[in-house]
Amino acid sequence: YTTTLGSSDGIAQLWIDGIQRINATNVYFGTTTINTFEIGSNSQFPY
């Protein structure tokens, strides 16, 4: 978010294979900065 804490003007976009799947411009992330990128995480119920 670009203004004050608690505002909902964050942006979230996602493309898969060049096709945009998510495009949101009213997101509240609950924080001000990104400090870490984690690659590989957990899941529920592969079988």
All heavy atoms as atom14 arrays in JSON, in Angstrom:
{
  "sequence": "YTTTLGSSDGIAQLWIDGIQRINATNVYFGTTTINTFEIGSNSQFPY",
  "atom14_mask": [
    [1, 1, 1, 1, 1, 1, 1, 1, 1, 1, 1, 1, 0, 0],
    [1, 1, 1, 1, 1, 1, 1, 0, 0, 0, 0, 0, 0, 0],
    [1, 1, 1, 1, 1, 1, 1, 0, 0, 0, 0, 0, 0, 0],
    [1, 1, 1, 1, 1, 1, 1, 0, 0, 0, 0, 0, 0, 0],
    [1, 1, 1, 1, 1, 1, 1, 1, 0, 0, 0, 0, 0, 0],
    [1, 1, 1, 1, 0, 0, 0, 0, 0, 0, 0, 0, 0, 0],
    [1, 1, 1, 1, 1, 1, 0, 0, 0, 0, 0, 0, 0, 0],
    [1, 1, 1, 1, 1, 1, 0, 0, 0, 0, 0, 0, 0, 0],
    [1, 1, 1, 1, 1, 1, 1, 1, 0, 0, 0, 0, 0, 0],
    [1, 1, 1, 1, 0, 0, 0, 0, 0, 0, 0, 0, 0, 0],
    [1, 1, 1, 1, 1, 1, 1, 1, 0, 0, 0, 0, 0, 0],
    [1, 1, 1, 1, 1, 0, 0, 0, 0, 0, 0, 0, 0, 0],
    [1, 1, 1, 1, 1, 1, 1, 1, 1, 0, 0, 0, 0, 0],
    [1, 1, 1, 1, 1, 1, 1, 1, 0, 0, 0, 0, 0, 0],
    [1, 1, 1, 1, 1, 1, 1, 1, 1, 1, 1, 1, 1, 1],
    [1, 1, 1, 1, 1, 1, 1, 1, 0, 0, 0, 0, 0, 0],
    [1, 1, 1, 1, 1, 1, 1, 1, 0, 0, 0, 0, 0, 0],
    [1, 1, 1, 1, 0, 0, 0, 0, 0, 0, 0, 0, 0, 0],
    [1, 1, 1, 1, 1, 1, 1, 1, 0, 0, 0, 0, 0, 0],
    [1, 1, 1, 1, 1, 1, 1, 1, 1, 0, 0, 0, 0, 0],
    [1, 1, 1, 1, 1, 1, 1, 1, 1, 1, 1, 0, 0, 0],
    [1, 1, 1, 1, 1, 1, 1, 1, 0, 0, 0, 0, 0, 0],
    [1, 1, 1, 1, 1, 1, 1, 1, 0, 0, 0, 0, 0, 0],
    [1, 1, 1, 1, 1, 0, 0, 0, 0, 0, 0, 0, 0, 0],
    [1, 1, 1, 1, 1, 1, 1, 0, 0, 0, 0, 0, 0, 0],
    [1, 1, 1, 1, 1, 1, 1, 1, 0, 0, 0, 0, 0, 0],
    [1, 1, 1, 1, 1, 1, 1, 0, 0, 0, 0, 0, 0, 0],
    [1, 1, 1, 1, 1, 1, 1, 1, 1, 1, 1, 1, 0, 0],
    [1, 1, 1, 1, 1, 1, 1, 1, 1, 1, 1, 0, 0, 0],
    [1, 1, 1, 1, 0, 0, 0, 0, 0, 0, 0, 0, 0, 0],
    [1, 1, 1, 1, 1, 1, 1, 0, 0, 0, 0, 0, 0, 0],
    [1, 1, 1, 1, 1, 1, 1, 0, 0, 0, 0, 0, 0, 0],
    [1, 1, 1, 1, 1, 1, 1, 0, 0, 0, 0, 0, 0, 0],
    [1, 1, 1, 1, 1, 1, 1, 1, 0, 0, 0, 0, 0, 0],
    [1, 1, 1, 1, 1, 1, 1, 1, 0, 0, 0, 0, 0, 0],
    [1, 1, 1, 1, 1, 1, 1, 0, 0, 0, 0, 0, 0, 0],
    [1, 1, 1, 1, 1, 1, 1, 1, 1, 1, 1, 0, 0, 0],
    [1, 1, 1, 1, 1, 1, 1, 1, 1, 0, 0, 0, 0, 0],
    [1, 1, 1, 1, 1, 1, 1, 1, 0, 0, 0, 0, 0, 0],
    [1, 1, 1, 1, 0, 0, 0, 0, 0, 0, 0, 0, 0, 0],
    [1, 1, 1, 1, 1, 1, 0, 0, 0, 0, 0, 0, 0, 0],
    [1, 1, 1, 1, 1, 1, 1, 1, 0, 0, 0, 0, 0, 0],
    [1, 1, 1, 1, 1, 1, 0, 0, 0, 0, 0, 0, 0, 0],
    [1, 1, 1, 1, 1, 1, 1, 1, 1, 0, 0, 0, 0, 0],
    [1, 1, 1, 1, 1, 1, 1, 1, 1, 1, 1, 0, 0, 0],
    [1, 1, 1, 1, 1, 1, 1, 0, 0, 0, 0, 0, 0, 0],
    [1, 1, 1, 1, 1, 1, 1, 1, 1, 1, 1, 1, 0, 0]
  ],
  "atom14_positions": [
    [[0.84, -1.2, 0.0], [0.0, 0.0, 0.0], [0.88, 1.25, 0.0], [1.98, 1.28, 0.53], [-0.98, 0.02, 1.16], [-0.4, -0.29, 2.52], [0.4, 0.63, 3.2], [-0.64, -1.52, 3.12], [0.91, 0.34, 4.44], [-0.12, -1.82, 4.36], [0.66, -0.89, 5.01], [1.18, -1.18, 6.24], [0.0, 0.0, 0.0], [0.0, 0.0, 0.0]],
    [[0.35, 2.29, -0.61], [1.19, 3.46, -0.9], [0.87, 4.67, -0.04], [1.54, 5.69, -0.14], [1.0, 3.87, -2.37], [-0.39, 4.09, -2.63], [1.5, 2.77, -3.29], [0.0, 0.0, 0.0], [0.0, 0.0, 0.0], [0.0, 0.0, 0.0], [0.0, 0.0, 0.0], [0.0, 0.0, 0.0], [0.0, 0.0, 0.0], [0.0, 0.0, 0.0]],
    [[-0.15, 4.56, 0.8], [-0.5, 5.73, 1.61], [-0.3, 5.41, 3.08], [0.82, 5.34, 3.54], [-1.94, 6.17, 1.31], [-2.83, 5.06, 1.47], [-2.06, 6.68, -0.12], [0.0, 0.0, 0.0], [0.0, 0.0, 0.0], [0.0, 0.0, 0.0], [0.0, 0.0, 0.0], [0.0, 0.0, 0.0], [0.0, 0.0, 0.0], [0.0, 0.0, 0.0]],
    [[-1.36, 5.21, 3.82], [-1.24, 5.02, 5.26], [-1.46, 3.57, 5.65], [-2.09, 2.8, 4.93], [-2.27, 5.9, 6.0], [-3.58, 5.54, 5.55], [-2.03, 7.37, 5.73], [0.0, 0.0, 0.0], [0.0, 0.0, 0.0], [0.0, 0.0, 0.0], [0.0, 0.0, 0.0], [0.0, 0.0, 0.0], [0.0, 0.0, 0.0], [0.0, 0.0, 0.0]],
    [[-0.92, 3.21, 6.82], [-1.09, 1.86, 7.34], [-2.57, 1.52, 7.44], [-3.36, 2.3, 7.97], [-0.43, 1.76, 8.72], [-0.5, 0.39, 9.39], [0.3, -0.63, 8.6], [0.03, 0.48, 10.82], [0.0, 0.0, 0.0], [0.0, 0.0, 0.0], [0.0, 0.0, 0.0], [0.0, 0.0, 0.0], [0.0, 0.0, 0.0], [0.0, 0.0, 0.0]],
    [[-2.93, 0.37, 6.91], [-4.33, -0.07, 6.96], [-5.09, 0.22, 5.69], [-6.23, -0.21, 5.54], [0.0, 0.0, 0.0], [0.0, 0.0, 0.0], [0.0, 0.0, 0.0], [0.0, 0.0, 0.0], [0.0, 0.0, 0.0], [0.0, 0.0, 0.0], [0.0, 0.0, 0.0], [0.0, 0.0, 0.0], [0.0, 0.0, 0.0], [0.0, 0.0, 0.0]],
    [[-4.47, 0.95, 4.75], [-5.17, 1.25, 3.49], [-5.17, 0.02, 2.58], [-4.4, -0.91, 2.77], [-4.5, 2.43, 2.78], [-3.17, 2.11, 2.44], [0.0, 0.0, 0.0], [0.0, 0.0, 0.0], [0.0, 0.0, 0.0], [0.0, 0.0, 0.0], [0.0, 0.0, 0.0], [0.0, 0.0, 0.0], [0.0, 0.0, 0.0], [0.0, 0.0, 0.0]],
    [[-6.05, 0.04, 1.6], [-6.24, -1.11, 0.71], [-5.96, -0.72, -0.73], [-6.8, -0.91, -1.6], [-7.66, -1.66, 0.86], [-7.9, -2.09, 2.18], [0.0, 0.0, 0.0], [0.0, 0.0, 0.0], [0.0, 0.0, 0.0], [0.0, 0.0, 0.0], [0.0, 0.0, 0.0], [0.0, 0.0, 0.0], [0.0, 0.0, 0.0], [0.0, 0.0, 0.0]],
    [[-4.79, -0.16, -0.98], [-4.45, 0.22, -2.35], [-3.21, -0.52, -2.85], [-2.52, -0.06, -3.75], [-4.26, 1.72, -2.47], [-3.14, 2.26, -1.58], [-2.62, 1.47, -0.76], [-2.8, 3.44, -1.69], [0.0, 0.0, 0.0], [0.0, 0.0, 0.0], [0.0, 0.0, 0.0], [0.0, 0.0, 0.0], [0.0, 0.0, 0.0], [0.0, 0.0, 0.0]],
    [[-2.93, -1.68, -2.24], [-1.84, -2.51, -2.73], [-2.23, -3.19, -4.04], [-3.41, -3.29, -4.4], [0.0, 0.0, 0.0], [0.0, 0.0, 0.0], [0.0, 0.0, 0.0], [0.0, 0.0, 0.0], [0.0, 0.0, 0.0], [0.0, 0.0, 0.0], [0.0, 0.0, 0.0], [0.0, 0.0, 0.0], [0.0, 0.0, 0.0], [0.0, 0.0, 0.0]],
    [[-1.21, -3.66, -4.79], [-1.43, -4.32, -6.08], [-0.95, -5.76, -6.0], [0.13, -6.04, -5.47], [-0.67, -3.58, -7.2], [-1.23, -2.16, -7.38], [-0.77, -4.34, -8.52], [-0.45, -1.32, -8.36], [0.0, 0.0, 0.0], [0.0, 0.0, 0.0], [0.0, 0.0, 0.0], [0.0, 0.0, 0.0], [0.0, 0.0, 0.0], [0.0, 0.0, 0.0]],
    [[-1.75, -6.67, -6.54], [-1.4, -8.09, -6.63], [-1.73, -8.58, -8.03], [-2.9, -8.58, -8.43], [-2.16, -8.9, -5.59], [0.0, 0.0, 0.0], [0.0, 0.0, 0.0], [0.0, 0.0, 0.0], [0.0, 0.0, 0.0], [0.0, 0.0, 0.0], [0.0, 0.0, 0.0], [0.0, 0.0, 0.0], [0.0, 0.0, 0.0], [0.0, 0.0, 0.0]],
    [[-0.7, -9.0, -8.77], [-0.9, -9.5, -10.13], [-0.11, -10.79, -10.3], [0.97, -10.95, -9.74], [-0.43, -8.46, -11.16], [-1.22, -7.16, -11.11], [-0.66, -6.11, -12.07], [0.53, -5.85, -12.08], [-1.54, -5.52, -12.85], [0.0, 0.0, 0.0], [0.0, 0.0, 0.0], [0.0, 0.0, 0.0], [0.0, 0.0, 0.0], [0.0, 0.0, 0.0]],
    [[-0.67, -11.7, -11.11], [-0.01, -12.98, -11.35], [-0.24, -13.4, -12.79], [-1.36, -13.35, -13.29], [-0.57, -14.06, -10.4], [0.01, -15.47, -10.53], [1.49, -15.5, -10.14], [-0.77, -16.46, -9.67], [0.0, 0.0, 0.0], [0.0, 0.0, 0.0], [0.0, 0.0, 0.0], [0.0, 0.0, 0.0], [0.0, 0.0, 0.0], [0.0, 0.0, 0.0]],
    [[0.86, -13.81, -13.44], [0.82, -14.33, -14.8], [1.35, -15.77, -14.78], [2.34, -16.06, -14.13], [1.69, -13.52, -15.74], [1.27, -12.1, -15.96], [0.55, -11.6, -17.01], [1.58, -10.96, -15.14], [0.39, -10.24, -16.88], [1.01, -9.82, -15.75], [2.28, -10.8, -13.93], [1.12, -8.54, -15.2], [2.39, -9.54, -13.39], [1.81, -8.43, -14.02]],
    [[0.68, -16.65, -15.53], [1.17, -18.01, -15.73], [1.31, -18.22, -17.24], [0.34, -18.04, -17.99], [0.21, -19.07, -15.16], [-0.13, -18.78, -13.7], [0.82, -20.47, -15.3], [1.01, -18.93, -12.74], [0.0, 0.0, 0.0], [0.0, 0.0, 0.0], [0.0, 0.0, 0.0], [0.0, 0.0, 0.0], [0.0, 0.0, 0.0], [0.0, 0.0, 0.0]],
    [[2.5, -18.58, -17.67], [2.78, -18.78, -19.1], [2.34, -17.57, -19.93], [1.81, -17.7, -21.04], [2.09, -20.05, -19.61], [2.65, -21.31, -18.96], [3.85, -21.29, -18.6], [1.92, -22.3, -18.82], [0.0, 0.0, 0.0], [0.0, 0.0, 0.0], [0.0, 0.0, 0.0], [0.0, 0.0, 0.0], [0.0, 0.0, 0.0], [0.0, 0.0, 0.0]],
    [[2.58, -16.38, -19.38], [2.29, -15.14, -20.1], [0.84, -14.71, -20.04], [0.49, -13.64, -20.57], [0.0, 0.0, 0.0], [0.0, 0.0, 0.0], [0.0, 0.0, 0.0], [0.0, 0.0, 0.0], [0.0, 0.0, 0.0], [0.0, 0.0, 0.0], [0.0, 0.0, 0.0], [0.0, 0.0, 0.0], [0.0, 0.0, 0.0], [0.0, 0.0, 0.0]],
    [[-0.05, -15.49, -19.43], [-1.47, -15.15, -19.33], [-1.75, -14.61, -17.94], [-1.45, -15.28, -16.93], [-2.36, -16.37, -19.62], [-2.1, -16.9, -21.02], [-3.83, -16.01, -19.45], [-2.78, -18.22, -21.32], [0.0, 0.0, 0.0], [0.0, 0.0, 0.0], [0.0, 0.0, 0.0], [0.0, 0.0, 0.0], [0.0, 0.0, 0.0], [0.0, 0.0, 0.0]],
    [[-2.33, -13.42, -17.84], [-2.61, -12.84, -16.54], [-3.81, -13.54, -15.91], [-4.88, -13.63, -16.49], [-2.89, -11.35, -16.64], [-2.96, -10.67, -15.28], [-2.95, -9.15, -15.39], [-3.59, -8.58, -16.26], [-2.22, -8.5, -14.5], [0.0, 0.0, 0.0], [0.0, 0.0, 0.0], [0.0, 0.0, 0.0], [0.0, 0.0, 0.0], [0.0, 0.0, 0.0]],
    [[-3.6, -14.06, -14.7], [-4.65, -14.78, -13.97], [-5.21, -13.99, -12.81], [-6.34, -14.23, -12.39], [-4.1, -16.11, -13.45], [-3.58, -17.06, -14.53], [-4.69, -17.52, -15.46], [-4.26, -18.64, -16.29], [-5.0, -19.18, -17.25], [-6.21, -18.69, -17.49], [-4.55, -20.19, -17.96], [0.0, 0.0, 0.0], [0.0, 0.0, 0.0], [0.0, 0.0, 0.0]],
    [[-4.41, -13.09, -12.23], [-4.86, -12.26, -11.11], [-4.48, -10.82, -11.4], [-3.35, -10.54, -11.83], [-4.23, -12.71, -9.77], [-4.74, -14.1, -9.37], [-4.52, -11.71, -8.65], [-4.1, -14.66, -8.12], [0.0, 0.0, 0.0], [0.0, 0.0, 0.0], [0.0, 0.0, 0.0], [0.0, 0.0, 0.0], [0.0, 0.0, 0.0], [0.0, 0.0, 0.0]],
    [[-5.41, -9.9, -11.15], [-5.15, -8.48, -11.34], [-5.99, -7.7, -10.34], [-7.16, -7.4, -10.59], [-5.48, -8.04, -12.77], [-5.13, -6.59, -13.04], [-4.31, -6.01, -12.31], [-5.73, -5.99, -14.04], [0.0, 0.0, 0.0], [0.0, 0.0, 0.0], [0.0, 0.0, 0.0], [0.0, 0.0, 0.0], [0.0, 0.0, 0.0], [0.0, 0.0, 0.0]],
    [[-5.42, -7.41, -9.18], [-6.15, -6.72, -8.11], [-5.39, -5.46, -7.7], [-4.17, -5.49, -7.54], [-6.31, -7.65, -6.91], [0.0, 0.0, 0.0], [0.0, 0.0, 0.0], [0.0, 0.0, 0.0], [0.0, 0.0, 0.0], [0.0, 0.0, 0.0], [0.0, 0.0, 0.0], [0.0, 0.0, 0.0], [0.0, 0.0, 0.0], [0.0, 0.0, 0.0]],
    [[-6.12, -4.38, -7.54], [-5.5, -3.09, -7.19], [-6.08, -2.52, -5.9], [-5.95, -1.33, -5.64], [-5.71, -2.08, -8.33], [-7.11, -1.94, -8.59], [-5.01, -2.54, -9.6], [0.0, 0.0, 0.0], [0.0, 0.0, 0.0], [0.0, 0.0, 0.0], [0.0, 0.0, 0.0], [0.0, 0.0, 0.0], [0.0, 0.0, 0.0], [0.0, 0.0, 0.0]],
    [[-6.68, -3.38, -5.09], [-7.3, -2.91, -3.85], [-6.95, -3.83, -2.68], [-7.8, -4.22, -1.9], [-8.82, -2.84, -4.02], [-9.42, -4.19, -4.39], [-8.7, -5.09, -4.78], [-10.73, -4.31, -4.26], [0.0, 0.0, 0.0], [0.0, 0.0, 0.0], [0.0, 0.0, 0.0], [0.0, 0.0, 0.0], [0.0, 0.0, 0.0], [0.0, 0.0, 0.0]],
    [[-5.65, -4.18, -2.58], [-5.23, -5.21, -1.64], [-4.69, -4.59, -0.35], [-3.92, -3.62, -0.39], [-4.15, -6.1, -2.28], [-3.78, -7.24, -1.35], [-4.62, -6.63, -3.63], [0.0, 0.0, 0.0], [0.0, 0.0, 0.0], [0.0, 0.0, 0.0], [0.0, 0.0, 0.0], [0.0, 0.0, 0.0], [0.0, 0.0, 0.0], [0.0, 0.0, 0.0]],
    [[-5.06, -5.17, 0.76], [-4.47, -4.81, 2.04], [-3.51, -5.93, 2.44], [-3.92, -7.05, 2.7], [-5.54, -4.64, 3.12], [-4.96, -4.45, 4.52], [-4.03, -3.44, 4.77], [-5.33, -5.27, 5.57], [-3.49, -3.25, 6.02], [-4.81, -5.1, 6.84], [-3.89, -4.1, 7.06], [-3.35, -3.92, 8.31], [0.0, 0.0, 0.0], [0.0, 0.0, 0.0]],
    [[-2.21, -5.65, 2.44], [-1.2, -6.66, 2.75], [-0.85, -6.71, 4.23], [-0.18, -7.64, 4.66], [0.06, -6.4, 1.93], [-0.07, -6.77, 0.48], [-0.05, -5.81, -0.51], [-0.23, -8.1, 0.11], [-0.17, -6.16, -1.85], [-0.35, -8.46, -1.22], [-0.32, -7.49, -2.2], [0.0, 0.0, 0.0], [0.0, 0.0, 0.0], [0.0, 0.0, 0.0]],
    [[-1.22, -5.72, 4.98], [-0.96, -5.75, 6.42], [0.47, -5.45, 6.8], [0.86, -5.66, 7.94], [0.0, 0.0, 0.0], [0.0, 0.0, 0.0], [0.0, 0.0, 0.0], [0.0, 0.0, 0.0], [0.0, 0.0, 0.0], [0.0, 0.0, 0.0], [0.0, 0.0, 0.0], [0.0, 0.0, 0.0], [0.0, 0.0, 0.0], [0.0, 0.0, 0.0]],
    [[1.27, -4.98, 5.87], [2.67, -4.66, 6.14], [3.15, -3.64, 5.11], [2.41, -3.32, 4.17], [3.54, -5.92, 6.11], [4.86, -5.6, 6.54], [3.59, -6.52, 4.71], [0.0, 0.0, 0.0], [0.0, 0.0, 0.0], [0.0, 0.0, 0.0], [0.0, 0.0, 0.0], [0.0, 0.0, 0.0], [0.0, 0.0, 0.0], [0.0, 0.0, 0.0]],
    [[4.34, -3.14, 5.28], [4.81, -2.06, 4.4], [5.92, -2.46, 3.45], [6.1, -1.83, 2.42], [5.31, -0.87, 5.24], [6.33, -1.34, 6.14], [4.17, -0.27, 6.04], [0.0, 0.0, 0.0], [0.0, 0.0, 0.0], [0.0, 0.0, 0.0], [0.0, 0.0, 0.0], [0.0, 0.0, 0.0], [0.0, 0.0, 0.0], [0.0, 0.0, 0.0]],
    [[6.69, -3.49, 3.79], [7.84, -3.87, 2.94], [7.94, -5.38, 2.8], [7.41, -6.14, 3.61], [9.17, -3.35, 3.51], [9.4, -3.93, 4.79], [9.17, -1.82, 3.61], [0.0, 0.0, 0.0], [0.0, 0.0, 0.0], [0.0, 0.0, 0.0], [0.0, 0.0, 0.0], [0.0, 0.0, 0.0], [0.0, 0.0, 0.0], [0.0, 0.0, 0.0]],
    [[8.65, -5.8, 1.75], [8.99, -7.2, 1.52], [10.47, -7.38, 1.81], [11.3, -6.64, 1.29], [8.69, -7.6, 0.07], [7.18, -7.48, -0.21], [9.16, -9.02, -0.21], [6.86, -7.52, -1.68], [0.0, 0.0, 0.0], [0.0, 0.0, 0.0], [0.0, 0.0, 0.0], [0.0, 0.0, 0.0], [0.0, 0.0, 0.0], [0.0, 0.0, 0.0]],
    [[10.8, -8.36, 2.63], [12.18, -8.55, 3.06], [12.79, -9.9, 2.66], [14.01, -10.03, 2.62], [12.29, -8.41, 4.58], [11.93, -7.03, 5.06], [10.79, -6.59, 4.93], [12.89, -6.31, 5.61], [0.0, 0.0, 0.0], [0.0, 0.0, 0.0], [0.0, 0.0, 0.0], [0.0, 0.0, 0.0], [0.0, 0.0, 0.0], [0.0, 0.0, 0.0]],
    [[11.95, -10.89, 2.37], [12.44, -12.23, 2.08], [11.57, -12.89, 1.02], [10.35, -12.73, 1.02], [12.44, -13.12, 3.34], [13.13, -12.47, 4.39], [13.12, -14.46, 3.06], [0.0, 0.0, 0.0], [0.0, 0.0, 0.0], [0.0, 0.0, 0.0], [0.0, 0.0, 0.0], [0.0, 0.0, 0.0], [0.0, 0.0, 0.0], [0.0, 0.0, 0.0]],
    [[12.21, -13.63, 0.11], [11.51, -14.46, -0.86], [11.87, -15.9, -0.57], [13.04, -16.27, -0.54], [11.94, -14.08, -2.28], [11.31, -14.91, -3.37], [9.95, -15.16, -3.39], [12.1, -15.46, -4.38], [9.37, -15.93, -4.4], [11.54, -16.22, -5.4], [10.17, -16.46, -5.39], [0.0, 0.0, 0.0], [0.0, 0.0, 0.0], [0.0, 0.0, 0.0]],
    [[10.86, -16.75, -0.31], [11.07, -18.15, 0.01], [10.61, -19.01, -1.16], [9.49, -18.84, -1.65], [10.32, -18.54, 1.28], [10.84, -17.84, 2.52], [9.99, -18.11, 3.74], [9.16, -19.05, 3.68], [10.13, -17.39, 4.74], [0.0, 0.0, 0.0], [0.0, 0.0, 0.0], [0.0, 0.0, 0.0], [0.0, 0.0, 0.0], [0.0, 0.0, 0.0]],
    [[11.46, -19.94, -1.59], [11.22, -20.75, -2.78], [11.06, -22.19, -2.35], [12.0, -22.81, -1.84], [12.38, -20.62, -3.78], [12.72, -19.16, -4.01], [12.07, -21.33, -5.07], [14.18, -18.84, -3.93], [0.0, 0.0, 0.0], [0.0, 0.0, 0.0], [0.0, 0.0, 0.0], [0.0, 0.0, 0.0], [0.0, 0.0, 0.0], [0.0, 0.0, 0.0]],
    [[9.88, -22.76, -2.56], [9.59, -24.13, -2.14], [8.96, -24.13, -0.77], [9.58, -23.7, 0.21], [0.0, 0.0, 0.0], [0.0, 0.0, 0.0], [0.0, 0.0, 0.0], [0.0, 0.0, 0.0], [0.0, 0.0, 0.0], [0.0, 0.0, 0.0], [0.0, 0.0, 0.0], [0.0, 0.0, 0.0], [0.0, 0.0, 0.0], [0.0, 0.0, 0.0]],
    [[7.69, -24.57, -0.69], [6.99, -24.52, 0.59], [6.14, -25.76, 0.77], [6.32, -26.76, 0.07], [6.15, -23.24, 0.66], [5.61, -23.07, 1.96], [0.0, 0.0, 0.0], [0.0, 0.0, 0.0], [0.0, 0.0, 0.0], [0.0, 0.0, 0.0], [0.0, 0.0, 0.0], [0.0, 0.0, 0.0], [0.0, 0.0, 0.0], [0.0, 0.0, 0.0]],
    [[5.19, -25.69, 1.71], [4.4, -26.86, 2.04], [3.11, -26.93, 1.24], [2.79, -26.03, 0.47], [4.1, -26.89, 3.55], [3.38, -25.64, 4.0], [3.28, -24.66, 3.29], [2.86, -25.67, 5.21], [0.0, 0.0, 0.0], [0.0, 0.0, 0.0], [0.0, 0.0, 0.0], [0.0, 0.0, 0.0], [0.0, 0.0, 0.0], [0.0, 0.0, 0.0]],
    [[2.38, -28.02, 1.43], [1.16, -28.24, 0.66], [0.19, -29.09, 1.45], [0.52, -29.62, 2.52], [1.5, -28.95, -0.66], [2.06, -30.22, -0.38], [0.0, 0.0, 0.0], [0.0, 0.0, 0.0], [0.0, 0.0, 0.0], [0.0, 0.0, 0.0], [0.0, 0.0, 0.0], [0.0, 0.0, 0.0], [0.0, 0.0, 0.0], [0.0, 0.0, 0.0]],
    [[-1.02, -29.21, 0.91], [-2.02, -30.06, 1.52], [-2.48, -31.13, 0.53], [-2.92, -30.82, -0.57], [-3.24, -29.23, 1.95], [-2.96, -28.24, 3.06], [-4.21, -27.5, 3.5], [-5.32, -27.87, 3.13], [-4.04, -26.46, 4.28], [0.0, 0.0, 0.0], [0.0, 0.0, 0.0], [0.0, 0.0, 0.0], [0.0, 0.0, 0.0], [0.0, 0.0, 0.0]],
    [[-2.3, -32.37, 0.93], [-2.91, -33.53, 0.29], [-2.5, -33.82, -1.16], [-3.37, -34.09, -1.98], [-4.43, -33.43, 0.39], [-4.93, -33.29, 1.8], [-5.61, -32.16, 2.2], [-4.68, -34.3, 2.73], [-6.06, -32.02, 3.5], [-5.13, -34.15, 4.04], [-5.83, -33.02, 4.43], [0.0, 0.0, 0.0], [0.0, 0.0, 0.0], [0.0, 0.0, 0.0]],
    [[-1.21, -33.77, -1.5], [-0.82, -34.54, -2.69], [-1.11, -36.01, -2.4], [-1.11, -36.44, -1.24], [0.69, -34.29, -2.8], [0.95, -33.09, -1.96], [-0.07, -33.12, -0.87], [0.0, 0.0, 0.0], [0.0, 0.0, 0.0], [0.0, 0.0, 0.0], [0.0, 0.0, 0.0], [0.0, 0.0, 0.0], [0.0, 0.0, 0.0], [0.0, 0.0, 0.0]],
    [[-1.37, -36.8, -3.41], [-1.63, -38.22, -3.17], [-0.98, -39.04, -4.28], [-1.59, -39.46, -5.23], [-3.13, -38.52, -3.04], [-4.03, -38.0, -4.14], [-4.49, -38.85, -5.15], [-4.45, -36.68, -4.15], [-5.32, -38.38, -6.16], [-5.28, -36.2, -5.15], [-5.72, -37.06, -6.15], [-6.54, -36.58, -7.14], [0.0, 0.0, 0.0], [0.0, 0.0, 0.0]]
  ]
}
